[in-house]
């Protein structure tokens, strides 16, 4: 039993300090729907490479599944940029 608990503690500690947690990536973007025309600005979490091309690929799929068309990826950034974009994104903050 002690071995299992020790293993779980080690796994949790390693998970907290893994590169996936240290390298959070976000993108802000603009999207639209037609008939009637609707536009929105949003912020989304991006997995993998933190680049505009990676964000574009992921967001096209996510938005397209909900009937939205990605217009452009404005920028990619780390967690330090979330707070200043939250109000602008409104209900589209980390929605897609």
PDB file of N, CA and C in Angstrom:
ATOM      1  N   UNK A   1       0.821  -1.193   0.000  1.00  0.00           N
ATOM      2  CA  UNK A   1       0.000   0.000   0.000  1.00  0.00           C
ATOM      3  C   UNK A   1       0.872   1.268   0.000  1.00  0.00           C
ATOM      4  N   UNK A   2       1.962   1.247   0.792  1.00  0.00           N
ATOM      5  CA  UNK A   2       2.855   2.401   0.821  1.00  0.00           C
ATOM      6  C   UNK A   2       3.478   2.648  -0.545  1.00  0.00           C
ATOM      7  N   UNK A   3       3.802   1.550  -1.245  1.00  0.00           N
ATOM      8  CA  UNK A   3       4.399   1.665  -2.573  1.00  0.00           C
ATOM      9  C   UNK A   3       3.437   2.349  -3.544  1.00  0.00           C
ATOM     10  N   UNK A   4       2.171   2.000  -3.476  1.00  0.00           N
ATOM     11  CA  UNK A   4       1.169   2.593  -4.371  1.00  0.00           C
ATOM     12  C   UNK A   4       1.027   4.082  -4.080  1.00  0.00           C
ATOM     13  N   UNK A   5       0.939   4.443  -2.806  1.00  0.00           N
ATOM     14  CA  UNK A   5       0.811   5.855  -2.444  1.00  0.00           C
ATOM     15  C   UNK A   5       2.038   6.653  -2.860  1.00  0.00           C
ATOM     16  N   UNK A   6       3.212   6.079  -2.644  1.00  0.00           N
ATOM     17  CA  UNK A   6       4.444   6.750  -3.052  1.00  0.00           C
ATOM     18  C   UNK A   6       4.477   6.940  -4.567  1.00  0.00           C
ATOM     19  N   UNK A   7       4.074   5.932  -5.307  1.00  0.00           N
ATOM     20  CA  UNK A   7       4.043   6.022  -6.774  1.00  0.00           C
ATOM     21  C   UNK A   7       3.083   7.099  -7.245  1.00  0.00           C
ATOM     22  N   UNK A   8       1.922   7.188  -6.606  1.00  0.00           N
ATOM     23  CA  UNK A   8       0.949   8.214  -6.976  1.00  0.00           C
ATOM     24  C   UNK A   8       1.481   9.617  -6.678  1.00  0.00           C
ATOM     25  N   UNK A   9       2.136   9.775  -5.554  1.00  0.00           N
ATOM     26  CA  UNK A   9       2.716  11.079  -5.203  1.00  0.00           C
ATOM     27  C   UNK A   9       3.794  11.489  -6.197  1.00  0.00           C
ATOM     28  N   UNK A  10       4.631  10.559  -6.570  1.00  0.00           N
ATOM     29  CA  UNK A  10       5.694  10.859  -7.540  1.00  0.00           C
ATOM     30  C   UNK A  10       5.091  11.217  -8.897  1.00  0.00           C
ATOM     31  N   UNK A  11       4.097  10.457  -9.327  1.00  0.00           N
ATOM     32  CA  UNK A  11       3.456  10.730 -10.618  1.00  0.00           C
ATOM     33  C   UNK A  11       2.807  12.107 -10.620  1.00  0.00           C
ATOM     34  N   UNK A  12       2.148  12.471  -9.523  1.00  0.00           N
ATOM     35  CA  UNK A  12       1.504  13.783  -9.441  1.00  0.00           C
ATOM     36  C   UNK A  12       2.540  14.895  -9.461  1.00  0.00           C
ATOM     37  N   UNK A  13       3.646  14.710  -8.747  1.00  0.00           N
ATOM     38  CA  UNK A  13       4.700  15.721  -8.716  1.00  0.00           C
ATOM     39  C   UNK A  13       5.334  15.893 -10.087  1.00  0.00           C
ATOM     40  N   UNK A  14       5.620  14.820 -10.759  1.00  0.00           N
ATOM     41  CA  UNK A  14       6.202  14.893 -12.103  1.00  0.00           C
ATOM     42  C   UNK A  14       5.229  15.588 -13.049  1.00  0.00           C
ATOM     43  N   UNK A  15       3.938  15.290 -12.936  1.00  0.00           N
ATOM     44  CA  UNK A  15       2.933  15.911 -13.791  1.00  0.00           C
ATOM     45  C   UNK A  15       2.848  17.407 -13.595  1.00  0.00           C
ATOM     46  N   UNK A  16       3.028  17.878 -12.363  1.00  0.00           N
ATOM     47  CA  UNK A  16       2.954  19.310 -12.094  1.00  0.00           C
ATOM     48  C   UNK A  16       4.099  20.085 -12.721  1.00  0.00           C
ATOM     49  N   UNK A  17       5.256  19.440 -12.853  1.00  0.00           N
ATOM     50  CA  UNK A  17       6.423  20.139 -13.370  1.00  0.00           C
ATOM     51  C   UNK A  17       6.796  19.729 -14.783  1.00  0.00           C
ATOM     52  N   UNK A  18       5.890  19.069 -15.463  1.00  0.00           N
ATOM     53  CA  UNK A  18       6.188  18.639 -16.828  1.00  0.00           C
ATOM     54  C   UNK A  18       6.161  19.825 -17.773  1.00  0.00           C
ATOM     55  N   UNK A  19       6.822  19.738 -18.916  1.00  0.00           N
ATOM     56  CA  UNK A  19       6.847  20.835 -19.880  1.00  0.00           C
ATOM     57  C   UNK A  19       5.460  21.224 -20.385  1.00  0.00           C
ATOM     58  N   UNK A  20       4.528  20.292 -20.409  1.00  0.00           N
ATOM     59  CA  UNK A  20       3.188  20.624 -20.893  1.00  0.00           C
ATOM     60  C   UNK A  20       2.547  21.690 -20.026  1.00  0.00           C
ATOM     61  N   UNK A  21       2.791  21.639 -18.733  1.00  0.00           N
ATOM     62  CA  UNK A  21       2.225  22.647 -17.846  1.00  0.00           C
ATOM     63  C   UNK A  21       3.025  23.938 -17.886  1.00  0.00           C
ATOM     64  N   UNK A  22       4.300  23.834 -18.124  1.00  0.00           N
ATOM     65  CA  UNK A  22       5.159  25.004 -18.117  1.00  0.00           C
ATOM     66  C   UNK A  22       5.032  25.822 -19.396  1.00  0.00           C
ATOM     67  N   UNK A  23       4.578  25.242 -20.474  1.00  0.00           N
ATOM     68  CA  UNK A  23       4.555  25.918 -21.767  1.00  0.00           C
ATOM     69  C   UNK A  23       3.132  26.104 -22.275  1.00  0.00           C
ATOM     70  N   UNK A  24       2.239  26.633 -21.426  1.00  0.00           N
ATOM     71  CA  UNK A  24       0.869  26.888 -21.870  1.00  0.00           C
ATOM     72  C   UNK A  24       0.903  27.891 -23.011  1.00  0.00           C
ATOM     73  N   UNK A  25       0.049  27.659 -23.989  1.00  0.00           N
ATOM     74  CA  UNK A  25       0.008  28.522 -25.167  1.00  0.00           C
ATOM     75  C   UNK A  25      -1.436  28.881 -25.468  1.00  0.00           C
ATOM     76  N   UNK A  26      -1.653  30.122 -25.824  1.00  0.00           N
ATOM     77  CA  UNK A  26      -2.985  30.622 -26.144  1.00  0.00           C
ATOM     78  C   UNK A  26      -2.902  31.444 -27.425  1.00  0.00           C
ATOM     79  N   UNK A  27      -4.044  31.559 -28.085  1.00  0.00           N
ATOM     80  CA  UNK A  27      -4.108  32.375 -29.297  1.00  0.00           C
ATOM     81  C   UNK A  27      -5.361  33.226 -29.236  1.00  0.00           C
ATOM     82  N   UNK A  28      -5.265  34.443 -29.723  1.00  0.00           N
ATOM     83  CA  UNK A  28      -6.480  35.227 -29.923  1.00  0.00           C
ATOM     84  C   UNK A  28      -6.734  35.280 -31.421  1.00  0.00           C
ATOM     85  N   UNK A  29      -8.003  35.270 -31.771  1.00  0.00           N
ATOM     86  CA  UNK A  29      -8.390  35.087 -33.169  1.00  0.00           C
ATOM     87  C   UNK A  29      -9.674  35.839 -33.467  1.00  0.00           C
ATOM     88  N   UNK A  30      -9.992  35.928 -34.761  1.00  0.00           N
ATOM     89  CA  UNK A  30     -11.254  36.495 -35.232  1.00  0.00           C
ATOM     90  C   UNK A  30     -11.929  35.450 -36.110  1.00  0.00           C
ATOM     91  N   UNK A  31     -13.250  35.349 -35.981  1.00  0.00           N
ATOM     92  CA  UNK A  31     -14.007  34.349 -36.742  1.00  0.00           C
ATOM     93  C   UNK A  31     -15.342  34.948 -37.181  1.00  0.00           C
ATOM     94  N   UNK A  32     -15.971  34.266 -38.141  1.00  0.00           N
ATOM     95  CA  UNK A  32     -17.264  34.753 -38.630  1.00  0.00           C
ATOM     96  C   UNK A  32     -18.203  33.592 -38.956  1.00  0.00           C
ATOM     97  N   UNK A  33     -19.477  33.924 -39.006  1.00  0.00           N
ATOM     98  CA  UNK A  33     -20.523  33.043 -39.545  1.00  0.00           C
ATOM     99  C   UNK A  33     -21.282  33.864 -40.574  1.00  0.00           C
ATOM    100  N   UNK A  34     -21.827  33.188 -41.576  1.00  0.00           N
ATOM    101  CA  UNK A  34     -22.621  33.874 -42.594  1.00  0.00           C
ATOM    102  C   UNK A  34     -24.102  33.578 -42.398  1.00  0.00           C
ATOM    103  N   UNK A  35     -24.933  34.427 -42.990  1.00  0.00           N
ATOM    104  CA  UNK A  35     -26.389  34.258 -43.053  1.00  0.00           C
ATOM    105  C   UNK A  35     -27.049  34.045 -41.705  1.00  0.00           C
ATOM    106  N   UNK A  36     -27.200  35.031 -40.892  1.00  0.00           N
ATOM    107  CA  UNK A  36     -26.711  36.405 -41.032  1.00  0.00           C
ATOM    108  C   UNK A  36     -25.247  36.488 -40.616  1.00  0.00           C
ATOM    109  N   UNK A  37     -24.608  37.555 -41.076  1.00  0.00           N
ATOM    110  CA  UNK A  37     -23.197  37.750 -40.752  1.00  0.00           C
ATOM    111  C   UNK A  37     -23.044  37.984 -39.251  1.00  0.00           C
ATOM    112  N   UNK A  38     -22.184  37.187 -38.637  1.00  0.00           N
ATOM    113  CA  UNK A  38     -21.838  37.337 -37.220  1.00  0.00           C
ATOM    114  C   UNK A  38     -20.326  37.256 -37.109  1.00  0.00           C
ATOM    115  N   UNK A  39     -19.749  38.151 -36.336  1.00  0.00           N
ATOM    116  CA  UNK A  39     -18.305  38.173 -36.126  1.00  0.00           C
ATOM    117  C   UNK A  39     -18.014  37.974 -34.652  1.00  0.00           C
ATOM    118  N   UNK A  40     -16.884  37.338 -34.343  1.00  0.00           N
ATOM    119  CA  UNK A  40     -16.464  37.290 -32.950  1.00  0.00           C
ATOM    120  C   UNK A  40     -14.955  37.251 -32.814  1.00  0.00           C
ATOM    121  N   UNK A  41     -14.524  37.765 -31.673  1.00  0.00           N
ATOM    122  CA  UNK A  41     -13.128  37.734 -31.263  1.00  0.00           C
ATOM    123  C   UNK A  41     -13.062  36.762 -30.097  1.00  0.00           C
ATOM    124  N   UNK A  42     -12.054  35.891 -30.089  1.00  0.00           N
ATOM    125  CA  UNK A  42     -11.953  34.924 -29.009  1.00  0.00           C
ATOM    126  C   UNK A  42     -10.520  34.606 -28.635  1.00  0.00           C
ATOM    127  N   UNK A  43     -10.404  33.899 -27.538  1.00  0.00           N
ATOM    128  CA  UNK A  43      -9.118  33.416 -27.041  1.00  0.00           C
ATOM    129  C   UNK A  43      -9.259  31.918 -26.818  1.00  0.00           C
ATOM    130  N   UNK A  44      -8.286  31.142 -27.278  1.00  0.00           N
ATOM    131  CA  UNK A  44      -8.333  29.684 -27.151  1.00  0.00           C
ATOM    132  C   UNK A  44      -6.993  29.144 -26.698  1.00  0.00           C
ATOM    133  N   UNK A  45      -7.031  28.034 -25.978  1.00  0.00           N
ATOM    134  CA  UNK A  45      -5.800  27.354 -25.591  1.00  0.00           C
ATOM    135  C   UNK A  45      -5.332  26.502 -26.763  1.00  0.00           C
ATOM    136  N   UNK A  46      -4.038  26.502 -27.003  1.00  0.00           N
ATOM    137  CA  UNK A  46      -3.445  25.772 -28.120  1.00  0.00           C
ATOM    138  C   UNK A  46      -2.514  24.703 -27.554  1.00  0.00           C
ATOM    139  N   UNK A  47      -2.602  23.500 -28.094  1.00  0.00           N
ATOM    140  CA  UNK A  47      -1.707  22.431 -27.656  1.00  0.00           C
ATOM    141  C   UNK A  47      -0.589  22.260 -28.677  1.00  0.00           C
ATOM    142  N   UNK A  48       0.485  21.656 -28.247  1.00  0.00           N
ATOM    143  CA  UNK A  48       1.612  21.421 -29.157  1.00  0.00           C
ATOM    144  C   UNK A  48       2.423  22.681 -29.368  1.00  0.00           C
ATOM    145  N   UNK A  49       2.894  22.859 -30.595  1.00  0.00           N
ATOM    146  CA  UNK A  49       3.747  24.005 -30.921  1.00  0.00           C
ATOM    147  C   UNK A  49       2.999  25.316 -30.705  1.00  0.00           C
ATOM    148  N   UNK A  50       3.655  26.262 -30.097  1.00  0.00           N
ATOM    149  CA  UNK A  50       3.043  27.568 -29.834  1.00  0.00           C
ATOM    150  C   UNK A  50       3.392  28.502 -30.989  1.00  0.00           C
ATOM    151  N   UNK A  51       2.651  28.339 -32.077  1.00  0.00           N
ATOM    152  CA  UNK A  51       2.900  29.142 -33.277  1.00  0.00           C
ATOM    153  C   UNK A  51       1.562  29.494 -33.916  1.00  0.00           C
ATOM    154  N   UNK A  52       1.585  30.514 -34.748  1.00  0.00           N
ATOM    155  CA  UNK A  52       0.371  30.912 -35.449  1.00  0.00           C
ATOM    156  C   UNK A  52      -0.136  29.801 -36.367  1.00  0.00           C
ATOM    157  N   UNK A  53       0.769  29.092 -37.020  1.00  0.00           N
ATOM    158  CA  UNK A  53       0.334  28.031 -37.936  1.00  0.00           C
ATOM    159  C   UNK A  53      -0.321  26.883 -37.177  1.00  0.00           C
ATOM    160  N   UNK A  54       0.218  26.530 -36.027  1.00  0.00           N
ATOM    161  CA  UNK A  54      -0.394  25.483 -35.205  1.00  0.00           C
ATOM    162  C   UNK A  54      -1.760  25.946 -34.697  1.00  0.00           C
ATOM    163  N   UNK A  55      -1.828  27.190 -34.248  1.00  0.00           N
ATOM    164  CA  UNK A  55      -3.098  27.747 -33.773  1.00  0.00           C
ATOM    165  C   UNK A  55      -4.126  27.767 -34.904  1.00  0.00           C
ATOM    166  N   UNK A  56      -3.714  28.184 -36.082  1.00  0.00           N
ATOM    167  CA  UNK A  56      -4.609  28.248 -37.237  1.00  0.00           C
ATOM    168  C   UNK A  56      -5.194  26.868 -37.541  1.00  0.00           C
ATOM    169  N   UNK A  57      -4.356  25.872 -37.567  1.00  0.00           N
ATOM    170  CA  UNK A  57      -4.801  24.507 -37.859  1.00  0.00           C
ATOM    171  C   UNK A  57      -5.810  24.009 -36.827  1.00  0.00           C
ATOM    172  N   UNK A  58      -5.509  24.203 -35.558  1.00  0.00           N
ATOM    173  CA  UNK A  58      -6.399  23.736 -34.496  1.00  0.00           C
ATOM    174  C   UNK A  58      -7.720  24.505 -34.473  1.00  0.00           C
ATOM    175  N   UNK A  59      -7.621  25.830 -34.633  1.00  0.00           N
ATOM    176  CA  UNK A  59      -8.832  26.645 -34.561  1.00  0.00           C
ATOM    177  C   UNK A  59      -9.752  26.444 -35.761  1.00  0.00           C
ATOM    178  N   UNK A  60      -9.197  26.206 -36.938  1.00  0.00           N
ATOM    179  CA  UNK A  60     -10.053  25.940 -38.097  1.00  0.00           C
ATOM    180  C   UNK A  60     -10.937  24.732 -37.834  1.00  0.00           C
ATOM    181  N   UNK A  61     -10.376  23.698 -37.236  1.00  0.00           N
ATOM    182  CA  UNK A  61     -11.153  22.487 -36.929  1.00  0.00           C
ATOM    183  C   UNK A  61     -12.180  22.741 -35.842  1.00  0.00           C
ATOM    184  N   UNK A  62     -11.746  23.355 -34.748  1.00  0.00           N
ATOM    185  CA  UNK A  62     -12.655  23.597 -33.616  1.00  0.00           C
ATOM    186  C   UNK A  62     -13.810  24.510 -33.995  1.00  0.00           C
ATOM    187  N   UNK A  63     -13.486  25.605 -34.653  1.00  0.00           N
ATOM    188  CA  UNK A  63     -14.519  26.566 -35.034  1.00  0.00           C
ATOM    189  C   UNK A  63     -15.420  25.999 -36.126  1.00  0.00           C
ATOM    190  N   UNK A  64     -14.817  25.316 -37.099  1.00  0.00           N
ATOM    191  CA  UNK A  64     -15.592  24.736 -38.191  1.00  0.00           C
ATOM    192  C   UNK A  64     -16.633  23.739 -37.713  1.00  0.00           C
ATOM    193  N   UNK A  65     -16.309  23.003 -36.673  1.00  0.00           N
ATOM    194  CA  UNK A  65     -17.256  22.029 -36.111  1.00  0.00           C
ATOM    195  C   UNK A  65     -18.486  22.713 -35.535  1.00  0.00           C
ATOM    196  N   UNK A  66     -18.378  23.998 -35.226  1.00  0.00           N
ATOM    197  CA  UNK A  66     -19.502  24.751 -34.668  1.00  0.00           C
ATOM    198  C   UNK A  66     -20.079  25.769 -35.652  1.00  0.00           C
ATOM    199  N   UNK A  67     -19.692  25.647 -36.925  1.00  0.00           N
ATOM    200  CA  UNK A  67     -20.254  26.526 -37.941  1.00  0.00           C
ATOM    201  C   UNK A  67     -19.588  27.883 -38.077  1.00  0.00           C
ATOM    202  N   UNK A  68     -18.402  28.039 -37.506  1.00  0.00           N
ATOM    203  CA  UNK A  68     -17.666  29.289 -37.607  1.00  0.00           C
ATOM    204  C   UNK A  68     -16.505  29.123 -38.578  1.00  0.00           C
ATOM    205  N   UNK A  69     -16.127  30.210 -39.221  1.00  0.00           N
ATOM    206  CA  UNK A  69     -14.975  30.211 -40.120  1.00  0.00           C
ATOM    207  C   UNK A  69     -13.893  31.107 -39.513  1.00  0.00           C
ATOM    208  N   UNK A  70     -12.698  30.572 -39.351  1.00  0.00           N
ATOM    209  CA  UNK A  70     -11.581  31.350 -38.822  1.00  0.00           C
ATOM    210  C   UNK A  70     -11.175  32.396 -39.853  1.00  0.00           C
ATOM    211  N   UNK A  71     -11.115  33.638 -39.441  1.00  0.00           N
ATOM    212  CA  UNK A  71     -10.637  34.703 -40.321  1.00  0.00           C
ATOM    213  C   UNK A  71      -9.135  34.885 -40.181  1.00  0.00           C
ATOM    214  N   UNK A  72      -8.652  35.013 -38.948  1.00  0.00           N
ATOM    215  CA  UNK A  72      -7.215  35.110 -38.738  1.00  0.00           C
ATOM    216  C   UNK A  72      -6.854  34.874 -37.277  1.00  0.00           C
ATOM    217  N   UNK A  73      -5.624  34.446 -37.087  1.00  0.00           N
ATOM    218  CA  UNK A  73      -5.046  34.328 -35.752  1.00  0.00           C
ATOM    219  C   UNK A  73      -4.308  35.643 -35.515  1.00  0.00           C
ATOM    220  N   UNK A  74      -4.720  36.365 -34.517  1.00  0.00           N
ATOM    221  CA  UNK A  74      -4.130  37.678 -34.237  1.00  0.00           C
ATOM    222  C   UNK A  74      -2.731  37.506 -33.649  1.00  0.00           C
ATOM    223  N   UNK A  75      -2.619  36.649 -32.618  1.00  0.00           N
ATOM    224  CA  UNK A  75      -1.323  36.417 -31.985  1.00  0.00           C
ATOM    225  C   UNK A  75      -1.356  35.152 -31.147  1.00  0.00           C
ATOM    226  N   UNK A  76      -0.195  34.667 -30.796  1.00  0.00           N
ATOM    227  CA  UNK A  76      -0.057  33.564 -29.840  1.00  0.00           C
ATOM    228  C   UNK A  76       0.748  34.105 -28.662  1.00  0.00           C
ATOM    229  N   UNK A  77       0.436  33.607 -27.466  1.00  0.00           N
ATOM    230  CA  UNK A  77       1.049  34.161 -26.258  1.00  0.00           C
ATOM    231  C   UNK A  77       0.947  33.151 -25.118  1.00  0.00           C
ATOM    232  N   UNK A  78       1.615  33.448 -24.034  1.00  0.00           N
ATOM    233  CA  UNK A  78       1.590  32.600 -22.854  1.00  0.00           C
ATOM    234  C   UNK A  78       0.530  33.062 -21.873  1.00  0.00           C
ATOM    235  N   UNK A  79       0.483  32.433 -20.700  1.00  0.00           N
ATOM    236  CA  UNK A  79      -0.544  32.748 -19.710  1.00  0.00           C
ATOM    237  C   UNK A  79      -0.526  34.201 -19.241  1.00  0.00           C
ATOM    238  N   UNK A  80       0.615  34.858 -19.385  1.00  0.00           N
ATOM    239  CA  UNK A  80       0.702  36.258 -18.948  1.00  0.00           C
ATOM    240  C   UNK A  80      -0.194  37.180 -19.778  1.00  0.00           C
ATOM    241  N   UNK A  81      -0.639  36.744 -20.947  1.00  0.00           N
ATOM    242  CA  UNK A  81      -1.486  37.587 -21.789  1.00  0.00           C
ATOM    243  C   UNK A  81      -2.975  37.340 -21.645  1.00  0.00           C
ATOM    244  N   UNK A  82      -3.369  36.401 -20.802  1.00  0.00           N
ATOM    245  CA  UNK A  82      -4.784  36.062 -20.674  1.00  0.00           C
ATOM    246  C   UNK A  82      -5.617  37.178 -20.053  1.00  0.00           C
ATOM    247  N   UNK A  83      -5.163  37.729 -18.951  1.00  0.00           N
ATOM    248  CA  UNK A  83      -5.958  38.706 -18.203  1.00  0.00           C
ATOM    249  C   UNK A  83      -6.350  39.912 -19.053  1.00  0.00           C
ATOM    250  N   UNK A  84      -5.415  40.420 -19.842  1.00  0.00           N
ATOM    251  CA  UNK A  84      -5.724  41.632 -20.613  1.00  0.00           C
ATOM    252  C   UNK A  84      -6.659  41.354 -21.804  1.00  0.00           C
ATOM    253  N   UNK A  85      -6.863  40.090 -22.156  1.00  0.00           N
ATOM    254  CA  UNK A  85      -7.738  39.762 -23.287  1.00  0.00           C
ATOM    255  C   UNK A  85      -9.102  39.227 -22.848  1.00  0.00           C
ATOM    256  N   UNK A  86      -9.254  38.929 -21.589  1.00  0.00           N
ATOM    257  CA  UNK A  86     -10.473  38.277 -21.099  1.00  0.00           C
ATOM    258  C   UNK A  86     -11.728  39.100 -21.369  1.00  0.00           C
ATOM    259  N   UNK A  87     -11.717  40.373 -21.049  1.00  0.00           N
ATOM    260  CA  UNK A  87     -12.908  41.206 -21.257  1.00  0.00           C
ATOM    261  C   UNK A  87     -13.254  41.351 -22.730  1.00  0.00           C
ATOM    262  N   UNK A  88     -12.248  41.501 -23.576  1.00  0.00           N
ATOM    263  CA  UNK A  88     -12.496  41.662 -25.012  1.00  0.00           C
ATOM    264  C   UNK A  88     -13.108  40.406 -25.621  1.00  0.00           C
ATOM    265  N   UNK A  89     -12.687  39.238 -25.139  1.00  0.00           N
ATOM    266  CA  UNK A  89     -13.198  37.975 -25.687  1.00  0.00           C
ATOM    267  C   UNK A  89     -14.582  37.638 -25.159  1.00  0.00           C
ATOM    268  N   UNK A  90     -14.934  38.144 -24.002  1.00  0.00           N
ATOM    269  CA  UNK A  90     -16.272  37.894 -23.442  1.00  0.00           C
ATOM    270  C   UNK A  90     -16.601  36.414 -23.349  1.00  0.00           C
ATOM    271  N   UNK A  91     -17.731  36.026 -23.926  1.00  0.00           N
ATOM    272  CA  UNK A  91     -18.173  34.629 -23.854  1.00  0.00           C
ATOM    273  C   UNK A  91     -17.314  33.694 -24.706  1.00  0.00           C
ATOM    274  N   UNK A  92     -16.453  34.247 -25.544  1.00  0.00           N
ATOM    275  CA  UNK A  92     -15.560  33.430 -26.366  1.00  0.00           C
ATOM    276  C   UNK A  92     -14.161  33.306 -25.765  1.00  0.00           C
ATOM    277  N   UNK A  93     -14.041  33.587 -24.480  1.00  0.00           N
ATOM    278  CA  UNK A  93     -12.782  33.426 -23.762  1.00  0.00           C
ATOM    279  C   UNK A  93     -12.640  31.961 -23.386  1.00  0.00           C
ATOM    280  N   UNK A  94     -11.678  31.277 -24.008  1.00  0.00           N
ATOM    281  CA  UNK A  94     -11.415  29.838 -23.805  1.00  0.00           C
ATOM    282  C   UNK A  94     -12.618  28.959 -24.109  1.00  0.00           C
ATOM    283  N   UNK A  95     -13.480  29.411 -25.011  1.00  0.00           N
ATOM    284  CA  UNK A  95     -14.675  28.640 -25.418  1.00  0.00           C
ATOM    285  C   UNK A  95     -14.342  27.558 -26.433  1.00  0.00           C
ATOM    286  N   UNK A  96     -13.474  27.870 -27.389  1.00  0.00           N
ATOM    287  CA  UNK A  96     -13.158  26.921 -28.462  1.00  0.00           C
ATOM    288  C   UNK A  96     -11.782  26.335 -28.288  1.00  0.00           C
TER     289      UNK A  96
END
